[in-house]
Amino acid sequence: MTDRYDGVDLLADHSILLAVPAFLPAFLIAGVVVVIAVRDRRGGDDGDPPDDPATGPDTEPRKED
């Protein structure tokens, strides 16, 4: 395979072997994000009631006329 090139050492003969070091960190980070999201979803309710959009935490309740 390298008979044509004298003094050339072929370190990887397939493009997948060259691409793995580039994609491996991205897959690891994506995996960690997925694991954290799944654990958070399985964690259950926090106990805090959701805020009413009409009377959010920074607004006053609406007054009826």
C-alpha atoms as a PDB file:
ATOM      1  CA  MET A   1       0.000   0.000   0.000  1.00  0.00           C
ATOM      2  CA  THR A   2       2.889   2.389   0.683  1.00  0.00           C
ATOM      3  CA  ASP A   3       5.183   0.965  -1.956  1.00  0.00           C
ATOM      4  CA  ARG A   4       4.809   4.078  -4.080  1.00  0.00           C
ATOM      5  CA  TYR A   5       6.100   6.468  -1.421  1.00  0.00           C
ATOM      6  CA  ASP A   6       9.534   5.968   0.051  1.00  0.00           C
ATOM      7  CA  GLY A   7       9.990   7.230   3.593  1.00  0.00           C
ATOM      8  CA  VAL A   8       6.260   7.680   4.230  1.00  0.00           C
ATOM      9  CA  ASP A   9       4.733   5.987   7.261  1.00  0.00           C
ATOM     10  CA  LEU A  10       1.006   5.517   7.016  1.00  0.00           C
ATOM     11  CA  LEU A  11      -0.417   5.975  10.494  1.00  0.00           C
ATOM     12  CA  ALA A  12      -4.111   5.452   9.677  1.00  0.00           C
ATOM     13  CA  ASP A  13      -5.424   3.807   6.576  1.00  0.00           C
ATOM     14  CA  HIS A  14      -9.086   4.621   7.043  1.00  0.00           C
ATOM     15  CA  SER A  15     -10.847   7.951   7.430  1.00  0.00           C
ATOM     16  CA  ILE A  16     -12.831   6.710  10.451  1.00  0.00           C
ATOM     17  CA  LEU A  17      -9.588   6.237  12.369  1.00  0.00           C
ATOM     18  CA  LEU A  18      -8.682   9.828  11.605  1.00  0.00           C
ATOM     19  CA  ALA A  19     -12.141  11.190  12.497  1.00  0.00           C
ATOM     20  CA  VAL A  20     -12.564   9.456  15.875  1.00  0.00           C
ATOM     21  CA  PRO A  21     -10.260  11.806  17.813  1.00  0.00           C
ATOM     22  CA  ALA A  22     -12.191  14.795  16.471  1.00  0.00           C
ATOM     23  CA  PHE A  23     -15.692  13.502  17.268  1.00  0.00           C
ATOM     24  CA  LEU A  24     -15.022  11.663  20.522  1.00  0.00           C
ATOM     25  CA  PRO A  25     -15.037  14.784  22.762  1.00  0.00           C
ATOM     26  CA  ALA A  26     -18.286  15.993  21.187  1.00  0.00           C
ATOM     27  CA  PHE A  27     -19.956  12.622  21.791  1.00  0.00           C
ATOM     28  CA  LEU A  28     -18.710  12.568  25.378  1.00  0.00           C
ATOM     29  CA  ILE A  29     -20.081  16.032  26.114  1.00  0.00           C
ATOM     30  CA  ALA A  30     -23.418  15.183  24.481  1.00  0.00           C
ATOM     31  CA  GLY A  31     -23.591  11.987  26.535  1.00  0.00           C
ATOM     32  CA  VAL A  32     -22.975  13.842  29.785  1.00  0.00           C
ATOM     33  CA  VAL A  33     -25.694  16.368  28.920  1.00  0.00           C
ATOM     34  CA  VAL A  34     -28.168  13.559  28.162  1.00  0.00           C
ATOM     35  CA  VAL A  35     -27.346  11.754  31.418  1.00  0.00           C
ATOM     36  CA  ILE A  36     -27.854  14.938  33.441  1.00  0.00           C
ATOM     37  CA  ALA A  37     -31.146  15.680  31.667  1.00  0.00           C
ATOM     38  CA  VAL A  38     -32.463  12.142  32.249  1.00  0.00           C
ATOM     39  CA  ARG A  39     -31.525  12.236  35.931  1.00  0.00           C
ATOM     40  CA  ASP A  40     -33.189  15.617  36.315  1.00  0.00           C
ATOM     41  CA  ARG A  41     -36.387  14.397  34.647  1.00  0.00           C
ATOM     42  CA  ARG A  42     -36.507  11.299  36.866  1.00  0.00           C
ATOM     43  CA  GLY A  43     -35.836  13.391  39.950  1.00  0.00           C
ATOM     44  CA  GLY A  44     -39.498  14.199  40.372  1.00  0.00           C
ATOM     45  CA  ASP A  45     -41.267  17.305  41.519  1.00  0.00           C
ATOM     46  CA  ASP A  46     -39.281  20.006  43.306  1.00  0.00           C
ATOM     47  CA  GLY A  47     -42.228  20.867  45.508  1.00  0.00           C
ATOM     48  CA  ASP A  48     -42.416  24.433  44.214  1.00  0.00           C
ATOM     49  CA  PRO A  49     -45.747  25.277  42.584  1.00  0.00           C
ATOM     50  CA  PRO A  50     -45.433  26.765  39.097  1.00  0.00           C
ATOM     51  CA  ASP A  51     -45.879  30.520  38.835  1.00  0.00           C
ATOM     52  CA  ASP A  52     -49.128  31.778  37.377  1.00  0.00           C
ATOM     53  CA  PRO A  53     -48.248  33.703  34.184  1.00  0.00           C
ATOM     54  CA  ALA A  54     -50.897  36.319  34.948  1.00  0.00           C
ATOM     55  CA  THR A  55     -49.501  36.947  38.425  1.00  0.00           C
ATOM     56  CA  GLY A  56     -45.848  36.059  38.098  1.00  0.00           C
ATOM     57  CA  PRO A  57     -43.376  36.646  40.905  1.00  0.00           C
ATOM     58  CA  ASP A  58     -42.616  40.219  39.796  1.00  0.00           C
ATOM     59  CA  THR A  59     -46.192  41.381  39.073  1.00  0.00           C
ATOM     60  CA  GLU A  60     -49.072  42.388  41.264  1.00  0.00           C
ATOM     61  CA  PRO A  61     -52.351  40.496  41.046  1.00  0.00           C
ATOM     62  CA  ARG A  62     -54.915  41.964  38.655  1.00  0.00           C
ATOM     63  CA  LYS A  63     -57.667  44.030  40.245  1.00  0.00           C
ATOM     64  CA  GLU A  64     -61.204  43.464  39.080  1.00  0.00           C
ATOM     65  CA  ASP A  65     -63.292  46.534  38.200  1.00  0.00           C
END
